[in-house]
C-alpha atoms as a PDB file:
ATOM      1  CA  MET A   1      -8.022  -4.756  -6.003  1.00  0.00           C
ATOM      2  CA  LYS A   2      -7.057  -2.717  -2.967  1.00  0.00           C
ATOM      3  CA  ASN A   3      -5.894   0.881  -3.222  1.00  0.00           C
ATOM      4  CA  LEU A   4      -2.506  -0.302  -1.976  1.00  0.00           C
ATOM      5  CA  SER A   5      -2.042  -2.617  -4.954  1.00  0.00           C
ATOM      6  CA  VAL A   6      -3.339  -0.022  -7.400  1.00  0.00           C
ATOM      7  CA  GLN A   7      -0.970   2.626  -6.059  1.00  0.00           C
ATOM      8  CA  ARG A   8       2.017   0.285  -6.021  1.00  0.00           C
ATOM      9  CA  LEU A   9       1.376  -0.744  -9.617  1.00  0.00           C
ATOM     10  CA  ALA A  10       0.789   2.874 -10.670  1.00  0.00           C
ATOM     11  CA  HIS A  11       4.329   3.604  -9.461  1.00  0.00           C
ATOM     12  CA  HIS A  12       5.594   0.524 -11.343  1.00  0.00           C
ATOM     13  CA  TRP A  13       7.054  -0.813  -8.115  1.00  0.00           C
ATOM     14  CA  SER A  14       7.419  -4.402  -7.014  1.00  0.00           C
ATOM     15  CA  LYS A  15       6.425  -5.401  -3.504  1.00  0.00           C
ATOM     16  CA  SER A  16      10.135  -5.456  -2.718  1.00  0.00           C
ATOM     17  CA  GLU A  17      10.588  -1.878  -3.908  1.00  0.00           C
ATOM     18  CA  LEU A  18       7.610  -0.586  -1.946  1.00  0.00           C
ATOM     19  CA  GLY A  19       8.800  -2.504   1.091  1.00  0.00           C
ATOM     20  CA  ARG A  20      12.249  -0.971   0.762  1.00  0.00           C
ATOM     21  CA  ARG A  21      10.836   2.545   0.451  1.00  0.00           C
ATOM     22  CA  ALA A  22       8.475   1.998   3.409  1.00  0.00           C
ATOM     23  CA  SER A  23      10.997   0.090   5.568  1.00  0.00           C
ATOM     24  CA  LEU A  24       8.785  -3.003   5.564  1.00  0.00           C
ATOM     25  CA  HIS A  25       9.466  -6.582   4.531  1.00  0.00           C
ATOM     26  CA  PRO A  26       8.068  -7.326   1.048  1.00  0.00           C
ATOM     27  CA  ALA A  27       6.075 -10.229   2.514  1.00  0.00           C
ATOM     28  CA  ARG A  28       4.340  -7.745   4.805  1.00  0.00           C
ATOM     29  CA  VAL A  29       3.359  -5.663   1.765  1.00  0.00           C
ATOM     30  CA  GLY A  30       1.957  -8.785   0.100  1.00  0.00           C
ATOM     31  CA  GLN A  31       0.035  -9.763   3.211  1.00  0.00           C
ATOM     32  CA  ALA A  32      -1.484  -6.282   3.391  1.00  0.00           C
ATOM     33  CA  GLU A  33      -2.480  -6.388  -0.271  1.00  0.00           C
ATOM     34  CA  ASN A  34      -4.081  -9.810   0.140  1.00  0.00           C
ATOM     35  CA  GLY A  35      -5.848  -8.974   3.388  1.00  0.00           C
ATOM     36  CA  ARG A  36      -3.950 -11.611   5.352  1.00  0.00           C
ATOM     37  CA  ALA A  37      -2.458  -9.206   7.875  1.00  0.00           C
ATOM     38  CA  VAL A  38      -3.622  -6.390  10.082  1.00  0.00           C
ATOM     39  CA  LEU A  39      -1.079  -3.606   9.838  1.00  0.00           C
ATOM     40  CA  TYR A  40      -0.027  -1.324  12.645  1.00  0.00           C
ATOM     41  CA  ASP A  41      -0.775   2.379  12.174  1.00  0.00           C
ATOM     42  CA  ILE A  42       2.939   3.099  11.748  1.00  0.00           C
ATOM     43  CA  GLU A  43       3.167   0.531   8.941  1.00  0.00           C
ATOM     44  CA  LEU A  44       0.214   2.118   7.159  1.00  0.00           C
ATOM     45  CA  ARG A  45       1.769   5.565   7.581  1.00  0.00           C
ATOM     46  CA  ARG A  46       5.066   4.345   6.111  1.00  0.00           C
ATOM     47  CA  LEU A  47       3.269   2.868   3.108  1.00  0.00           C
ATOM     48  CA  ALA A  48       1.214   6.016   2.609  1.00  0.00           C
ATOM     49  CA  ASP A  49       4.294   8.224   2.835  1.00  0.00           C
ATOM     50  CA  ALA A  50       6.246   6.063   0.401  1.00  0.00           C
ATOM     51  CA  LEU A  51       3.373   6.204  -2.101  1.00  0.00           C
ATOM     52  CA  GLY A  52       2.611   9.884  -1.574  1.00  0.00           C
ATOM     53  CA  TRP A  53      -0.917   8.930  -0.453  1.00  0.00           C
ATOM     54  CA  GLN A  54      -2.672  12.030   0.875  1.00  0.00           C
ATOM     55  CA  ASP A  55      -5.864  10.384   2.166  1.00  0.00           C
ATOM     56  CA  ASP A  56      -6.261   8.530   5.445  1.00  0.00           C
ATOM     57  CA  PRO A  57      -3.683   5.699   5.352  1.00  0.00           C
ATOM     58  CA  ARG A  58      -6.376   3.182   6.316  1.00  0.00           C
ATOM     59  CA  THR A  59      -8.030   3.777   2.945  1.00  0.00           C
ATOM     60  CA  LEU A  60      -5.042   2.089   1.302  1.00  0.00           C
ATOM     61  CA  LEU A  61      -6.544  -1.200   2.439  1.00  0.00           C
ATOM     62  CA  GLU A  62      -9.968  -0.482   0.958  1.00  0.00           C
ATOM     63  CA  GLU A  63     -11.046  -1.736  -2.427  1.00  0.00           C
ATOM     64  CA  ALA A  64     -10.228   0.740  -5.171  1.00  0.00           C
ATOM     65  CA  ARG A  65     -13.192   2.231  -6.971  1.00  0.00           C
ATOM     66  CA  GLY A  66     -13.088   1.524 -10.670  1.00  0.00           C
ATOM     67  CA  GLY A  67      -9.457   0.415 -10.461  1.00  0.00           C
ATOM     68  CA  GLU A  68      -8.303   4.041 -10.584  1.00  0.00           C
ATOM     69  CA  ALA A  69      -5.130   5.183  -8.915  1.00  0.00           C
ATOM     70  CA  THR A  70      -6.167   8.077  -6.711  1.00  0.00           C
ATOM     71  CA  PRO A  71      -3.335   9.719  -4.787  1.00  0.00           C
END
């Protein structure tokens, strides 16, 4: 599971809720989680900001280590 999915679930947010908070369409969030889309840097930044992700936003698309939610 990607860090993005882990973080979204750790917040107990649906894809719609994360999309709303990041100003992205929920389908775009799903595509990012499933690896079916390449996101623009601004989209990654919006997701990272919405989730409070302090690391490089690109790491949201990496596989989570041990399924842990690491902000």
